[in-house]
Each structure stands twice: as structure tokens, then as C-alpha cells.
Amino acid sequence: MDHISLDKEHGALTNRILNMIAYLGADKIPTNTLLNLEETLERVVELNNNDWGSEAASVVDHAIIAWNYAAKYVNLIKCFSSLSSYVIQQLIDLQRFSEANSFGTSALQLLRLHLTPDDKNLFGVEYHLSEVHFEQAKYDQCLDDFKHLLNRSKYIFGDLHKQVGI
């Protein structure tokens, strides 16, 4: 975390985003967990599983705000790229499919501009968008998504796909 804080261009901004998440979710999430966004969103899953759906939805909404703010800065896009995939998954779990589709489509366009084609976070967003298309009964789009993902998985993982029979 120190290396991010010391970054002259975006360190203060990153700290502000993390502080915002900490402030908005502080009553249910331990402070040390808030330092890792992936752990924070895993906590959202736990909240949701404990019938604390409104709290989970609130944390996801605040994560969307944090992503939208970070998305204005290339360095933060790279630092927070895994957040977009988790947000989409949480929106799916909360059955907010239209919002998941809108957020995911926007995030995907942005990530494609700033990440390399073999980035696993980019793959994760594409995968979760295919889930959204399935839930929305957009089966033709879902099939196209999975064909694309199959080709990308071969590119990203190489011959590993042969070991699992794909």
C-alpha cells in the first residue's frame, strides 16, 4: 500500500478512494480488510449470504462510485482493474442484471483501452458479462461471448485448454 501512497501523481487520489470505501462500509467491514478491494468485495458476498442484502447492495453501490472515480485515471484503472469484475459479479448476485450489463460494458471498453489482451482481469469482465447475457436470456449474445472467451482462453492459457478437454 505504501508504494501506491507514495505515487506522486495518483497516491493521494487512491487514498481518498480507499478512505471513501472505508467510511461508507466501516460499520460492517474491518479496517484492515478495506485496504484490499478484493477482500472488501468478498465481504460483500458474505454480507449478502447472511441476509444483509441491503448492506451488500450499499457496499456494491459505493464500489461502483469508487470505480467510476478511479476510471478517470489510467494508473488507477490498472490498479483497480480487478474491482470491475467483482462489481459485475455482485450485481449478478443481487439480480441487478441491467445494471451489471451497463456497468460491465462500460468497464470492458475502458479496460480494453488500457490493459493488455492477455490480462486476466479483462478476461474476468468478459466472462461475467457473458453471465449477464445468459441471465437476461440474450442467448445468441451469450453464445458469441463464450466463443470469444474460448478463443481468448487459448490465447491466455496456451495449451492448458487441451489438458481440460476444451
Foldseek 3Di string as FASTA:
>chain_A
DVVLLPPPPCNVVVVVLLVQLCVQLVVQDPSVQSVDLVSVLVVLVVCVVVVVPVSSVSSLVSLLVSQVVLLVDLVSCVVCLLSLLSSLVSCVVSVVLVVSLVSLVVNLVSCVVRDDLLDVSNLSSLVSNLVSCVVVVVVVVNVVSVVVSVVSCCVNVPCVCVVVPD
